[in-house]
Protein backbone atom coordinates (compact mmCIF):
# COMPACT_ATOMS: atom_id res chain seq x y z
CA GLN A 1 -14.30 22.43 19.78
CA VAL A 2 -13.87 22.05 16.07
CA GLN A 3 -11.28 20.10 14.12
CA LEU A 4 -10.22 21.23 10.65
CA VAL A 5 -8.81 19.11 7.84
CA GLU A 6 -7.45 20.63 4.59
CA SER A 7 -7.22 18.99 1.42
CA GLY A 8 -6.46 19.55 -2.33
CA GLY A 9 -2.90 20.83 -2.33
CA GLY A 10 -0.59 19.57 -4.84
CA LEU A 11 1.96 20.55 -7.55
CA VAL A 12 0.96 22.89 -10.37
CA GLN A 13 2.54 24.93 -13.11
CA ALA A 14 2.47 28.67 -13.00
CA GLY A 15 -0.75 29.97 -14.44
CA GLY A 16 -2.60 26.73 -13.29
CA SER A 17 -5.40 26.35 -10.79
CA LEU A 18 -6.12 24.44 -7.42
CA ARG A 19 -9.02 24.17 -5.19
CA LEU A 20 -8.35 23.59 -1.52
CA SER A 21 -11.11 22.40 0.80
CA CYS A 22 -11.35 22.52 4.67
CA ALA A 23 -13.64 20.21 6.37
CA ALA A 24 -14.76 20.97 9.84
CA SER A 25 -15.91 18.48 12.38
CA GLY A 26 -17.72 19.38 15.48
CA ARG A 27 -20.81 21.57 16.05
CA ALA A 28 -21.84 24.84 14.89
CA PHE A 29 -19.63 25.51 11.91
CA SER A 30 -21.69 28.56 11.25
CA ARG A 31 -20.52 30.23 14.36
CA TYR A 32 -17.04 30.56 12.90
CA ALA A 33 -15.52 33.11 10.71
CA MET A 34 -13.01 31.24 8.51
CA GLY A 35 -9.75 32.02 7.30
CA TRP A 36 -6.93 30.80 5.04
CA PHE A 37 -3.37 31.57 5.91
CA ARG A 38 0.06 30.31 4.31
CA GLN A 39 3.50 29.86 5.13
CA ALA A 40 6.35 29.65 2.98
CA PRO A 41 9.78 28.19 4.03
CA GLY A 42 11.56 30.61 6.28
CA LYS A 43 8.84 33.12 6.21
CA GLU A 44 6.12 34.00 8.73
CA ARG A 45 2.49 32.60 8.41
CA GLU A 46 0.62 35.15 6.54
CA PHE A 47 -3.09 35.97 6.08
CA VAL A 48 -4.55 34.99 2.75
CA VAL A 49 -8.37 35.58 2.88
CA ALA A 50 -11.21 35.17 5.45
CA ILE A 51 -14.99 34.71 5.04
CA SER A 52 -17.73 35.64 7.48
CA ARG A 53 -19.94 33.29 9.32
CA SER A 54 -22.75 33.48 6.74
CA GLY A 55 -20.41 33.65 3.81
CA ASP A 56 -21.70 37.01 2.65
CA ILE A 57 -18.58 39.02 3.43
CA THR A 58 -14.98 38.26 2.48
CA ASN A 59 -11.58 39.98 3.04
CA TYR A 60 -8.53 39.36 0.70
CA ALA A 61 -4.97 40.11 1.03
CA ASP A 62 -3.79 42.34 -1.79
CA SER A 63 -1.42 39.63 -3.10
CA VAL A 64 -4.30 37.20 -3.93
CA LYS A 65 -7.07 39.66 -4.91
CA GLY A 66 -8.66 38.64 -8.33
CA ARG A 67 -6.80 35.24 -8.48
CA PHE A 68 -8.21 33.49 -5.28
CA THR A 69 -11.80 32.97 -4.25
CA ILE A 70 -13.06 31.86 -0.79
CA SER A 71 -16.47 30.20 -0.21
CA ARG A 72 -18.20 28.21 2.32
CA ASP A 73 -20.89 25.71 2.46
CA ASN A 74 -22.40 25.67 6.05
CA ALA A 75 -24.57 22.76 5.36
CA LYS A 76 -21.45 20.59 4.57
CA ASN A 77 -19.22 22.25 7.23
CA THR A 78 -16.55 23.13 4.63
CA VAL A 79 -14.74 26.07 3.39
CA TYR A 80 -13.04 26.36 -0.08
CA LEU A 81 -10.18 28.25 -1.65
CA GLN A 82 -10.36 28.44 -5.47
CA MET A 83 -6.93 29.50 -6.56
CA ASN A 84 -6.37 30.68 -10.12
CA ASN A 85 -3.45 31.99 -12.15
CA LEU A 86 -1.02 30.57 -9.57
CA LYS A 87 2.41 31.97 -9.19
CA PRO A 88 5.71 30.56 -7.95
CA GLU A 89 5.45 32.95 -4.99
CA ASP A 90 2.12 31.42 -3.95
CA THR A 91 4.09 28.25 -3.00
CA ALA A 92 3.65 27.55 0.83
CA VAL A 93 1.83 25.30 3.21
CA TYR A 94 -1.78 26.47 3.29
CA TYR A 95 -3.73 26.48 6.60
CA CYS A 96 -7.39 26.89 7.32
CA ALA A 97 -8.32 28.51 10.67
CA GLY A 98 -11.65 29.16 12.61
CA ARG A 99 -12.49 32.15 14.64
CA LEU A 100 -15.51 31.56 17.02
CA TRP A 101 -17.97 34.46 16.73
CA GLY A 102 -15.19 36.56 15.30
CA SER A 103 -15.12 39.16 12.38
CA ILE A 104 -13.13 38.52 9.18
CA TYR A 105 -10.76 41.44 9.99
CA ALA A 106 -8.13 39.36 11.97
CA TYR A 107 -4.72 38.78 10.54
CA THR A 108 -2.63 36.95 13.01
CA ARG A 109 -2.31 33.41 14.29
CA ALA A 110 -3.30 34.45 17.86
CA GLU A 111 -6.59 35.80 16.65
CA TYR A 112 -7.88 32.44 15.32
CA ASP A 113 -9.13 29.78 17.72
CA TYR A 114 -8.60 26.62 15.58
CA TRP A 115 -6.20 25.41 12.88
CA GLY A 116 -5.89 22.64 10.45
CA GLN A 117 -2.67 20.68 9.81
CA GLY A 118 -1.88 22.30 6.62
CA THR A 119 -1.74 21.27 2.94
CA GLN A 120 1.30 21.89 0.62
CA VAL A 121 0.91 24.04 -2.53
CA THR A 122 3.80 24.04 -4.98
CA VAL A 123 3.88 26.25 -8.09
CA SER A 124 6.45 25.41 -10.51
CA SER A 125 7.82 28.17 -12.96
């Protein structure tokens, strides 16, 4: 089993940047494909991006392509989300999630095995 803890959220102006981190405890972090999802008030949780177990393949939602970058450091059991050129519509609670032995082409909550508690990102206009 793995526990996930996100950090790095906050309040930023439109056009600004934030870097989220997700630290994993437990064993065998490299067995997990990792993803980031977000959920805005009154909306469904939506897929943002995922990264393969080795970090060599990524899969981005169209809404964040060219602005967000996912990366991971398996030696530190951590996955990162660099968010640039933030927009007010990026405001949401951001969750990281792990998928044991899974591919990165999974887009629903049910397809991920473990979730963090979320971190709030607020982008002001």
